[in-house]
Amino acid sequence: MDVPADQSARVVQRIPPGTVRRARRRRPTGEPPPLPHHVQTSGVGWLIAALVLAALTIVVFAGGLRGLAVDVTVADDAAVRWLGGLHAPGLVGIWRGLAALSSWWALLGLVWGLVQCLVRELPPEARRH
């Protein structure tokens, strides 16, 4: 079958009916790229909360289980016992699912998955060495 040279390089795309076709919007020269996005107020709040919680954990448990660390551990144990004592339809399955997600095998799988994702993101020249 003979095809004219100007038609052989075309790619035909079928567009579903009712689809509005728009031209690609290109960024004019000098306009900043869309990334990085600025962190919103709630993101900053969660970041500060995480840092404060990490700092408090280090301060409370730095000396081992002495002083305030004992009180925190007792309160944590009381909360876990209260949650463990709740019996309602469907809760047992939820607790078992959470227990399975926090098992060593699940956590180890997540760690290896994270390592693989990070290695795949390395530039090719960094993987050769």
N, C-alpha and C. Protein backbone atom coordinates (compact mmCIF):
# COMPACT_ATOMS: atom_id res chain seq x y z
N MET A 1 0.84 -1.16 0.00
CA MET A 1 0.00 0.00 0.00
C MET A 1 0.89 1.23 0.00
N ASP A 2 0.64 2.12 -0.91
CA ASP A 2 1.42 3.34 -1.01
C ASP A 2 0.78 4.44 -0.17
N VAL A 3 1.62 5.05 0.68
CA VAL A 3 1.16 6.15 1.53
C VAL A 3 2.02 7.35 1.20
N PRO A 4 1.41 8.51 0.98
CA PRO A 4 2.21 9.70 0.72
C PRO A 4 3.13 9.99 1.90
N ALA A 5 4.28 10.56 1.61
CA ALA A 5 5.31 10.81 2.63
C ALA A 5 4.81 11.72 3.74
N ASP A 6 3.98 12.70 3.42
CA ASP A 6 3.53 13.63 4.45
C ASP A 6 2.52 12.99 5.41
N GLN A 7 1.86 11.91 5.04
CA GLN A 7 0.89 11.26 5.91
C GLN A 7 1.49 10.12 6.72
N SER A 8 2.65 9.63 6.35
CA SER A 8 3.23 8.49 7.06
C SER A 8 3.71 8.85 8.46
N ALA A 9 4.04 10.11 8.69
CA ALA A 9 4.57 10.51 9.99
C ALA A 9 3.46 10.93 10.95
N ARG A 10 2.22 11.04 10.48
CA ARG A 10 1.13 11.48 11.34
C ARG A 10 0.69 10.36 12.29
N VAL A 11 0.32 10.77 13.48
CA VAL A 11 -0.25 9.84 14.44
C VAL A 11 -1.72 10.21 14.58
N VAL A 12 -2.59 9.27 14.36
CA VAL A 12 -4.02 9.53 14.43
C VAL A 12 -4.50 9.20 15.83
N GLN A 13 -5.13 10.18 16.47
CA GLN A 13 -5.69 9.97 17.80
C GLN A 13 -7.20 10.07 17.71
N ARG A 14 -7.87 9.11 18.25
CA ARG A 14 -9.33 9.15 18.26
C ARG A 14 -9.77 9.82 19.56
N ILE A 15 -10.61 10.83 19.41
CA ILE A 15 -11.10 11.58 20.56
C ILE A 15 -12.56 11.20 20.77
N PRO A 16 -12.92 10.82 22.00
CA PRO A 16 -14.31 10.47 22.26
C PRO A 16 -15.24 11.65 21.98
N PRO A 17 -16.46 11.39 21.53
CA PRO A 17 -17.39 12.50 21.27
C PRO A 17 -17.71 13.26 22.54
N GLY A 18 -17.87 14.55 22.43
CA GLY A 18 -18.17 15.40 23.58
C GLY A 18 -16.93 15.91 24.29
N THR A 19 -15.75 15.52 23.83
CA THR A 19 -14.52 15.96 24.46
C THR A 19 -14.11 17.30 23.86
N VAL A 20 -13.77 18.24 24.72
CA VAL A 20 -13.32 19.54 24.26
C VAL A 20 -11.81 19.48 24.10
N ARG A 21 -11.34 19.82 22.94
CA ARG A 21 -9.90 19.78 22.70
C ARG A 21 -9.33 21.17 22.86
N ARG A 22 -8.31 21.28 23.66
CA ARG A 22 -7.66 22.57 23.92
C ARG A 22 -6.21 22.48 23.51
N ALA A 23 -5.67 23.62 23.13
CA ALA A 23 -4.26 23.66 22.78
C ALA A 23 -3.42 23.53 24.05
N ARG A 24 -2.24 22.97 23.92
CA ARG A 24 -1.35 22.85 25.08
C ARG A 24 -0.95 24.23 25.57
N ARG A 25 -1.01 24.40 26.88
CA ARG A 25 -0.60 25.67 27.47
C ARG A 25 0.87 25.58 27.81
N ARG A 26 1.63 26.42 27.22
CA ARG A 26 3.06 26.41 27.47
C ARG A 26 3.44 27.63 28.32
N ARG A 27 4.40 27.41 29.19
CA ARG A 27 4.85 28.48 30.06
C ARG A 27 5.74 29.44 29.28
N PRO A 28 5.43 30.73 29.33
CA PRO A 28 6.31 31.69 28.64
C PRO A 28 7.69 31.73 29.31
N THR A 29 8.65 32.12 28.59
CA THR A 29 10.00 32.18 29.14
C THR A 29 10.04 33.12 30.34
N GLY A 30 10.72 32.67 31.35
CA GLY A 30 10.87 33.51 32.54
C GLY A 30 9.86 33.21 33.63
N GLU A 31 8.77 32.55 33.33
CA GLU A 31 7.79 32.23 34.36
C GLU A 31 8.35 31.10 35.22
N PRO A 32 8.22 31.17 36.54
CA PRO A 32 8.80 30.13 37.39
C PRO A 32 8.09 28.79 37.17
N PRO A 33 8.80 27.69 37.37
CA PRO A 33 8.19 26.37 37.22
C PRO A 33 7.12 26.15 38.29
N PRO A 34 6.20 25.22 38.05
CA PRO A 34 5.12 25.02 39.01
C PRO A 34 5.56 24.41 40.33
N LEU A 35 6.73 23.84 40.38
CA LEU A 35 7.22 23.26 41.63
C LEU A 35 8.39 24.06 42.14
N PRO A 36 8.72 24.10 43.37
CA PRO A 36 8.08 23.43 44.49
C PRO A 36 6.85 24.18 44.96
N HIS A 37 5.88 23.43 45.48
CA HIS A 37 4.69 24.05 46.03
C HIS A 37 5.02 24.57 47.42
N HIS A 38 4.40 25.66 47.78
CA HIS A 38 4.63 26.20 49.11
C HIS A 38 3.79 25.43 50.12
N VAL A 39 4.35 25.21 51.28
CA VAL A 39 3.65 24.47 52.33
C VAL A 39 2.58 25.40 52.91
N GLN A 40 1.38 24.89 53.02
CA GLN A 40 0.28 25.68 53.56
C GLN A 40 0.38 25.73 55.09
N THR A 41 -0.48 26.51 55.70
CA THR A 41 -0.45 26.69 57.15
C THR A 41 -0.66 25.36 57.88
N SER A 42 -1.59 24.54 57.39
CA SER A 42 -1.83 23.27 58.07
C SER A 42 -0.61 22.35 57.98
N GLY A 43 0.10 22.37 56.84
CA GLY A 43 1.31 21.57 56.70
C GLY A 43 2.39 22.01 57.67
N VAL A 44 2.53 23.31 57.84
CA VAL A 44 3.51 23.83 58.80
C VAL A 44 3.11 23.43 60.22
N GLY A 45 1.80 23.48 60.50
CA GLY A 45 1.32 23.07 61.84
C GLY A 45 1.63 21.62 62.13
N TRP A 46 1.39 20.73 61.15
CA TRP A 46 1.69 19.31 61.35
C TRP A 46 3.18 19.07 61.49
N LEU A 47 3.98 19.81 60.74
CA LEU A 47 5.44 19.67 60.85
C LEU A 47 5.91 20.10 62.24
N ILE A 48 5.40 21.21 62.73
CA ILE A 48 5.78 21.68 64.07
C ILE A 48 5.33 20.68 65.13
N ALA A 49 4.10 20.15 64.98
CA ALA A 49 3.60 19.17 65.94
C ALA A 49 4.48 17.92 65.96
N ALA A 50 4.90 17.45 64.78
CA ALA A 50 5.75 16.26 64.71
C ALA A 50 7.11 16.53 65.35
N LEU A 51 7.68 17.70 65.10
CA LEU A 51 8.98 18.03 65.70
C LEU A 51 8.88 18.16 67.22
N VAL A 52 7.81 18.78 67.70
CA VAL A 52 7.62 18.92 69.16
C VAL A 52 7.44 17.54 69.79
N LEU A 53 6.65 16.68 69.16
CA LEU A 53 6.43 15.33 69.70
C LEU A 53 7.74 14.53 69.72
N ALA A 54 8.53 14.64 68.66
CA ALA A 54 9.81 13.93 68.63
C ALA A 54 10.75 14.47 69.71
N ALA A 55 10.79 15.79 69.88
CA ALA A 55 11.66 16.38 70.91
C ALA A 55 11.21 15.96 72.31
N LEU A 56 9.89 15.98 72.55
CA LEU A 56 9.39 15.56 73.87
C LEU A 56 9.70 14.09 74.14
N THR A 57 9.58 13.27 73.14
CA THR A 57 9.89 11.85 73.31
C THR A 57 11.35 11.66 73.68
N ILE A 58 12.23 12.38 73.02
CA ILE A 58 13.66 12.27 73.32
C ILE A 58 13.95 12.76 74.73
N VAL A 59 13.34 13.89 75.12
CA VAL A 59 13.59 14.45 76.45
C VAL A 59 13.06 13.51 77.53
N VAL A 60 11.84 12.97 77.35
CA VAL A 60 11.23 12.13 78.39
C VAL A 60 11.96 10.80 78.53
N PHE A 61 12.33 10.16 77.41
CA PHE A 61 12.88 8.82 77.47
C PHE A 61 14.40 8.78 77.36
N ALA A 62 15.08 9.91 77.37
CA ALA A 62 16.54 9.91 77.24
C ALA A 62 17.22 9.22 78.42
N GLY A 63 16.65 9.34 79.60
CA GLY A 63 17.26 8.73 80.78
C GLY A 63 16.76 7.33 81.06
N GLY A 64 16.05 6.72 80.15
CA GLY A 64 15.51 5.39 80.38
C GLY A 64 14.15 5.48 81.06
N LEU A 65 13.73 4.40 81.69
CA LEU A 65 12.43 4.39 82.36
C LEU A 65 12.57 4.88 83.79
N ARG A 66 12.77 6.15 83.94
CA ARG A 66 12.87 6.79 85.25
C ARG A 66 12.05 8.07 85.22
N GLY A 67 11.51 8.46 86.35
CA GLY A 67 10.82 9.74 86.48
C GLY A 67 9.58 9.83 85.62
N LEU A 68 9.55 10.86 84.76
CA LEU A 68 8.39 11.14 83.92
C LEU A 68 8.13 10.03 82.90
N ALA A 69 9.17 9.33 82.49
CA ALA A 69 9.02 8.24 81.52
C ALA A 69 8.12 7.13 82.07
N VAL A 70 8.20 6.89 83.38
CA VAL A 70 7.34 5.87 84.00
C VAL A 70 5.88 6.30 83.92
N ASP A 71 5.61 7.57 84.23
CA ASP A 71 4.23 8.07 84.17
C ASP A 71 3.67 8.01 82.76
N VAL A 72 4.47 8.36 81.76
CA VAL A 72 4.03 8.30 80.37
C VAL A 72 3.76 6.86 79.96
N THR A 73 4.61 5.94 80.38
CA THR A 73 4.43 4.53 80.05
C THR A 73 3.17 3.97 80.71
N VAL A 74 2.90 4.37 81.95
CA VAL A 74 1.69 3.91 82.65
C VAL A 74 0.45 4.44 81.94
N ALA A 75 0.46 5.71 81.52
CA ALA A 75 -0.68 6.28 80.81
C ALA A 75 -0.88 5.59 79.46
N ASP A 76 0.20 5.30 78.76
CA ASP A 76 0.11 4.59 77.48
C ASP A 76 -0.46 3.20 77.69
N ASP A 77 -0.01 2.51 78.72
CA ASP A 77 -0.51 1.17 79.00
C ASP A 77 -2.00 1.21 79.34
N ALA A 78 -2.44 2.22 80.08
CA ALA A 78 -3.86 2.35 80.43
C ALA A 78 -4.70 2.58 79.17
N ALA A 79 -4.21 3.41 78.26
CA ALA A 79 -4.94 3.67 77.01
C ALA A 79 -5.02 2.42 76.15
N VAL A 80 -3.94 1.66 76.08
CA VAL A 80 -3.94 0.43 75.28
C VAL A 80 -4.88 -0.61 75.89
N ARG A 81 -4.88 -0.72 77.22
CA ARG A 81 -5.80 -1.66 77.87
C ARG A 81 -7.25 -1.26 77.65
N TRP A 82 -7.54 0.05 77.69
CA TRP A 82 -8.91 0.52 77.46
C TRP A 82 -9.35 0.19 76.03
N LEU A 83 -8.48 0.46 75.07
CA LEU A 83 -8.81 0.15 73.68
C LEU A 83 -8.95 -1.35 73.47
N GLY A 84 -8.10 -2.13 74.13
CA GLY A 84 -8.18 -3.59 74.02
C GLY A 84 -9.44 -4.16 74.65
N GLY A 85 -10.01 -3.45 75.61
CA GLY A 85 -11.22 -3.92 76.27
C GLY A 85 -12.50 -3.57 75.52
N LEU A 86 -12.41 -2.74 74.49
CA LEU A 86 -13.60 -2.39 73.72
C LEU A 86 -14.03 -3.58 72.87
N HIS A 87 -15.29 -3.93 72.97
CA HIS A 87 -15.83 -5.02 72.16
C HIS A 87 -17.07 -4.51 71.45
N ALA A 88 -16.97 -4.38 70.17
CA ALA A 88 -18.09 -3.95 69.35
C ALA A 88 -18.01 -4.70 68.02
N PRO A 89 -19.11 -4.83 67.34
CA PRO A 89 -19.08 -5.53 66.05
C PRO A 89 -18.11 -4.86 65.08
N GLY A 90 -17.22 -5.64 64.53
CA GLY A 90 -16.28 -5.12 63.55
C GLY A 90 -14.95 -4.66 64.13
N LEU A 91 -14.89 -4.38 65.43
CA LEU A 91 -13.64 -3.87 66.00
C LEU A 91 -12.57 -4.94 66.06
N VAL A 92 -12.95 -6.18 66.30
CA VAL A 92 -11.95 -7.25 66.39
C VAL A 92 -11.21 -7.39 65.07
N GLY A 93 -11.93 -7.33 63.97
CA GLY A 93 -11.28 -7.40 62.66
C GLY A 93 -10.36 -6.23 62.42
N ILE A 94 -10.77 -5.04 62.86
CA ILE A 94 -9.92 -3.84 62.70
C ILE A 94 -8.65 -4.00 63.52
N TRP A 95 -8.78 -4.46 64.77
CA TRP A 95 -7.58 -4.63 65.63
C TRP A 95 -6.64 -5.67 65.03
N ARG A 96 -7.20 -6.76 64.52
CA ARG A 96 -6.35 -7.79 63.91
C ARG A 96 -5.66 -7.26 62.66
N GLY A 97 -6.38 -6.47 61.88
CA GLY A 97 -5.77 -5.87 60.68
C GLY A 97 -4.64 -4.92 61.06
N LEU A 98 -4.84 -4.11 62.09
CA LEU A 98 -3.77 -3.21 62.55
C LEU A 98 -2.59 -4.00 63.09
N ALA A 99 -2.87 -5.10 63.79
CA ALA A 99 -1.78 -5.94 64.30
C ALA A 99 -0.99 -6.55 63.15
N ALA A 100 -1.70 -6.98 62.10
CA ALA A 100 -1.00 -7.56 60.95
C ALA A 100 -0.16 -6.51 60.23
N LEU A 101 -0.68 -5.28 60.12
CA LEU A 101 0.08 -4.22 59.46
C LEU A 101 1.33 -3.83 60.24
N SER A 102 1.29 -4.03 61.55
CA SER A 102 2.45 -3.64 62.36
C SER A 102 3.38 -4.81 62.65
N SER A 103 3.19 -5.93 61.99
CA SER A 103 4.08 -7.07 62.22
C SER A 103 5.45 -6.78 61.61
N TRP A 104 6.44 -7.52 62.06
CA TRP A 104 7.81 -7.31 61.56
C TRP A 104 7.91 -7.57 60.07
N TRP A 105 7.16 -8.58 59.59
CA TRP A 105 7.23 -8.90 58.16
C TRP A 105 6.67 -7.77 57.32
N ALA A 106 5.56 -7.18 57.77
CA ALA A 106 4.96 -6.08 57.01
C ALA A 106 5.88 -4.86 57.03
N LEU A 107 6.44 -4.56 58.19
CA LEU A 107 7.33 -3.40 58.28
C LEU A 107 8.61 -3.61 57.48
N LEU A 108 9.14 -4.83 57.51
CA LEU A 108 10.34 -5.12 56.72
C LEU A 108 10.05 -5.00 55.23
N GLY A 109 8.88 -5.46 54.81
CA GLY A 109 8.48 -5.32 53.41
C GLY A 109 8.37 -3.85 53.00
N LEU A 110 7.81 -3.02 53.89
CA LEU A 110 7.72 -1.59 53.60
C LEU A 110 9.11 -0.96 53.49
N VAL A 111 10.01 -1.35 54.37
CA VAL A 111 11.37 -0.80 54.33
C VAL A 111 12.05 -1.16 53.01
N TRP A 112 11.96 -2.43 52.60
CA TRP A 112 12.60 -2.85 51.35
C TRP A 112 11.94 -2.19 50.15
N GLY A 113 10.63 -2.01 50.19
CA GLY A 113 9.94 -1.31 49.12
C GLY A 113 10.40 0.13 49.02
N LEU A 114 10.58 0.78 50.16
CA LEU A 114 11.08 2.15 50.17
C LEU A 114 12.49 2.22 49.61
N VAL A 115 13.34 1.29 50.00
CA VAL A 115 14.72 1.27 49.49
C VAL A 115 14.72 1.09 47.98
N GLN A 116 13.88 0.18 47.47
CA GLN A 116 13.82 -0.03 46.02
C GLN A 116 13.33 1.22 45.29
N CYS A 117 12.33 1.88 45.84
CA CYS A 117 11.84 3.11 45.21
C CYS A 117 12.92 4.18 45.18
N LEU A 118 13.67 4.30 46.27
CA LEU A 118 14.72 5.31 46.32
C LEU A 118 15.85 4.98 45.37
N VAL A 119 16.20 3.71 45.23
CA VAL A 119 17.27 3.31 44.32
C VAL A 119 16.85 3.56 42.88
N ARG A 120 15.59 3.30 42.55
CA ARG A 120 15.13 3.53 41.18
C ARG A 120 15.14 5.01 40.82
N GLU A 121 15.04 5.89 41.80
CA GLU A 121 15.04 7.32 41.54
C GLU A 121 16.44 7.88 41.37
N LEU A 122 17.47 7.07 41.65
CA LEU A 122 18.84 7.55 41.48
C LEU A 122 19.12 7.77 40.00
N PRO A 123 19.90 8.79 39.67
CA PRO A 123 20.30 8.96 38.28
C PRO A 123 21.18 7.79 37.83
N PRO A 124 21.16 7.45 36.54
CA PRO A 124 21.91 6.27 36.06
C PRO A 124 23.40 6.32 36.40
N GLU A 125 24.00 7.49 36.37
CA GLU A 125 25.44 7.55 36.67
C GLU A 125 25.74 7.25 38.13
N ALA A 126 24.79 7.47 39.03
CA ALA A 126 25.02 7.18 40.45
C ALA A 126 24.86 5.68 40.72
N ARG A 127 24.10 4.95 39.89
CA ARG A 127 23.89 3.52 40.10
C ARG A 127 25.07 2.68 39.64
N ARG A 128 25.90 3.19 38.79
CA ARG A 128 27.01 2.41 38.22
C ARG A 128 28.12 2.16 39.24
N HIS A 129 28.27 3.03 40.20
CA HIS A 129 29.41 2.94 41.11
C HIS A 129 29.17 1.98 42.21
